[in-house]
Protein backbone atom coordinates (compact mmCIF):
# COMPACT_ATOMS: atom_id res chain seq x y z
CA MET A 1 0.00 0.00 0.00
CA SER A 2 1.36 3.39 -0.93
CA THR A 3 1.43 6.42 1.35
CA ILE A 4 1.74 10.18 0.95
CA SER A 5 4.52 12.04 2.80
CA VAL A 6 4.32 15.71 3.77
CA THR A 7 6.98 17.69 5.65
CA LEU A 8 5.66 20.85 7.27
CA THR A 9 7.89 23.90 7.59
CA GLU A 10 8.75 25.32 11.00
CA TYR A 11 6.33 28.17 10.27
CA GLU A 12 3.51 25.75 9.40
CA MET A 13 4.19 23.74 12.55
CA ALA A 14 4.03 26.93 14.66
CA MET A 15 0.85 28.10 12.92
CA CYS A 16 -0.82 24.78 13.69
CA GLU A 17 0.48 24.86 17.26
CA ARG A 18 -1.35 28.16 17.74
CA VAL A 19 -4.53 26.60 16.36
CA GLY A 20 -4.16 23.56 18.64
CA ARG A 21 -3.62 25.71 21.73
CA ASP A 22 -6.65 27.86 20.86
CA ARG A 23 -8.76 24.73 20.28
CA ASN A 24 -7.72 23.38 23.65
CA ALA A 25 -8.61 26.67 25.37
CA SER A 26 -11.97 26.75 23.59
CA ALA A 27 -12.74 23.16 24.61
CA ARG A 28 -11.95 23.97 28.23
CA ALA A 29 -13.99 27.19 28.12
CA TYR A 30 -17.02 25.33 26.75
CA ARG A 31 -16.39 22.37 29.08
CA ARG A 32 -16.24 19.84 26.25
CA ASP A 33 -15.63 16.29 27.42
CA PRO A 34 -11.96 15.44 26.67
CA GLY A 35 -12.69 11.73 26.81
CA LEU A 36 -10.61 9.10 28.55
CA GLY A 37 -7.73 8.70 26.10
CA PRO A 38 -4.05 9.30 26.84
CA THR A 39 -4.08 12.96 25.68
CA SER A 40 -7.13 13.90 27.75
CA GLN A 41 -5.42 15.06 30.97
CA ALA A 42 -6.30 18.57 32.10
CA GLY A 43 -4.07 21.19 30.52
CA ASN A 44 -2.56 18.77 27.98
CA VAL A 45 -2.57 20.53 24.62
CA SER A 46 -0.34 18.06 22.76
CA GLY A 47 -3.25 16.14 21.22
CA ASP A 48 -4.89 19.34 19.96
CA VAL A 49 -1.60 20.62 18.53
CA ARG A 50 -0.78 17.31 16.85
CA GLY A 51 -4.34 17.13 15.53
CA ALA A 52 -4.09 20.53 13.85
CA GLN A 53 -0.67 19.70 12.40
CA CYS A 54 -1.89 16.38 11.01
CA GLU A 55 -5.05 17.95 9.57
CA TYR A 56 -2.94 20.54 7.77
CA ALA A 57 -0.51 17.91 6.47
CA CYS A 58 -3.44 15.79 5.26
CA ALA A 59 -4.94 18.78 3.46
CA ILE A 60 -1.62 19.40 1.71
CA GLY A 61 -1.22 15.71 0.82
CA LEU A 62 -4.73 15.48 -0.64
CA ASN A 63 -4.57 18.95 -2.21
CA LEU A 64 -7.55 20.22 -0.18
CA PHE A 65 -8.13 23.45 1.66
CA TRP A 66 -7.79 23.60 5.45
CA ARG A 67 -9.54 26.08 7.67
CA PRO A 68 -7.90 26.46 11.08
CA SER A 69 -11.24 26.35 12.85
CA VAL A 70 -11.45 26.97 16.57
CA GLY A 71 -14.62 26.41 18.57
CA SER A 72 -16.59 24.84 15.72
CA ILE A 73 -16.60 21.07 15.44
CA ALA A 74 -19.33 20.79 12.82
CA SER A 75 -17.19 20.51 9.67
CA ARG A 76 -14.87 17.77 8.46
CA ASP A 77 -11.15 18.29 9.00
CA ALA A 78 -9.72 18.62 5.48
CA GLY A 79 -11.56 20.23 2.59
CA ASP A 80 -14.80 19.61 4.50
CA LEU A 81 -14.57 16.15 2.90
CA VAL A 82 -12.46 13.91 5.15
CA GLN A 83 -11.77 13.42 8.84
CA VAL A 84 -8.23 13.07 10.18
CA ARG A 85 -6.96 10.87 12.98
CA SER A 86 -3.35 11.09 14.11
CA THR A 87 -0.76 8.88 15.75
CA VAL A 88 2.87 9.13 16.81
CA LEU A 89 3.22 5.35 16.96
CA PRO A 90 4.75 3.67 13.87
CA HIS A 91 2.17 0.88 14.21
CA GLY A 92 -0.60 3.14 15.50
CA ARG A 93 -4.15 2.27 14.59
CA LEU A 94 -7.03 4.24 13.12
CA ILE A 95 -9.44 5.04 15.97
CA ILE A 96 -13.13 5.33 15.13
CA LYS A 97 -15.67 6.26 17.81
CA PRO A 98 -19.19 4.76 17.88
CA GLY A 99 -20.74 8.18 17.16
CA ASP A 100 -18.60 8.88 14.09
CA ASP A 101 -20.69 9.26 10.94
CA ASP A 102 -20.66 5.97 9.01
CA ASN A 103 -20.38 7.81 5.69
CA ASP A 104 -17.29 9.84 6.64
CA GLY A 105 -13.85 8.86 5.35
CA PHE A 106 -11.11 8.86 8.01
CA VAL A 107 -7.41 9.22 7.20
CA LEU A 108 -4.69 8.01 9.57
CA VAL A 109 -1.70 10.36 9.69
CA LEU A 110 1.58 9.41 11.37
CA GLN A 111 3.51 12.35 12.82
CA GLN A 112 7.27 12.08 13.34
CA GLY A 113 8.56 15.56 14.09
CA ARG A 114 7.82 17.73 11.05
CA ASP A 115 7.30 14.67 8.85
CA HIS A 116 3.74 13.47 8.34
CA THR A 117 2.71 10.31 6.51
CA LEU A 118 -0.82 9.69 5.29
CA LEU A 119 -0.94 5.94 5.91
CA GLY A 120 -4.38 5.00 4.62
CA TRP A 121 -8.08 5.50 5.13
CA LEU A 122 -11.46 3.86 5.70
CA LEU A 123 -15.09 4.81 5.84
CA ALA A 124 -16.28 4.78 9.44
CA SER A 125 -18.84 2.08 8.59
CA ASP A 126 -16.07 -0.21 7.27
CA ALA A 127 -13.93 0.44 10.34
CA LYS A 128 -16.82 -0.40 12.66
CA ALA A 129 -17.40 -3.66 10.77
CA LEU A 130 -13.70 -4.62 10.79
CA ALA A 131 -12.71 -3.90 14.38
CA PRO A 132 -14.64 -4.78 17.52
CA LEU A 133 -15.72 -2.02 19.88
CA THR A 134 -13.45 -1.94 22.94
CA SER A 135 -12.91 0.24 26.00
CA ASP A 136 -9.43 -1.11 26.71
CA TYR A 137 -7.72 2.24 26.02
CA GLY A 138 -10.22 4.75 27.39
CA ASP A 139 -13.41 5.72 25.56
CA PRO A 140 -15.18 2.98 23.60
CA ALA A 141 -13.71 2.85 20.10
CA HIS A 142 -12.87 0.68 17.12
CA PHE A 143 -9.08 0.31 16.62
CA VAL A 144 -8.22 -0.58 13.01
CA SER A 145 -4.80 -1.96 12.13
CA GLN A 146 -2.84 -0.21 9.37
CA ARG A 147 -2.86 -3.40 7.31
CA ASP A 148 -6.66 -3.10 7.03
CA LEU A 149 -6.62 0.47 5.71
CA ARG A 150 -7.34 1.35 2.10
CA ASP A 151 -4.72 3.00 -0.11
CA VAL A 152 -4.54 6.74 0.44
CA HIS A 153 -4.16 7.42 -3.30
CA GLU A 154 -7.59 5.82 -3.80
CA LEU A 155 -8.95 8.38 -1.34
CA LYS A 156 -7.22 11.20 -3.23
CA ARG A 157 -8.96 10.12 -6.46
CA TRP A 158 -12.31 9.72 -4.67
CA VAL A 159 -12.06 13.11 -2.96
CA HIS A 160 -11.34 14.95 -6.19
CA HIS A 161 -14.11 13.09 -8.06
CA PHE A 162 -16.53 13.94 -5.23
CA ALA A 163 -15.42 17.58 -5.18
CA LEU A 164 -16.03 17.88 -8.92
CA GLU A 165 -19.52 16.43 -8.53
CA ARG A 166 -20.33 19.00 -5.81
CA ALA A 167 -19.15 21.92 -7.98
């Protein structure tokens, strides 16, 4: 399976860090539930920062726009077409929550410093069918192995076909 690699500049990393910090502050101000995962501890902004950086890298890799939204969680992460999930683990898995929209495509992005790799993707419905629901790592979720992901270039073709149809 092929991947897409994106290296963000120092400026891009810093821009996304600002977005992540602002998202974290907004979530705390509106008392959003941080969940039970490893990045959910009070005051921990690393997950929000990494999330913004991986969203931006995904948008670059798929040639989509990215809006550094803060406060709003209604739109999809990249190009308003796909959702992004991130990992720092080389064998990290795609995490899909029970409430995720079955029709949304989710991309798994590996972050290693400034280097980001779009590893693959799945529709939420496929992920839910492939991986059992478990609470072993915090909130209930489906954890999909990288070997079960679809090729990210297939997603790139699908996204651009879908975008043309919407135009």
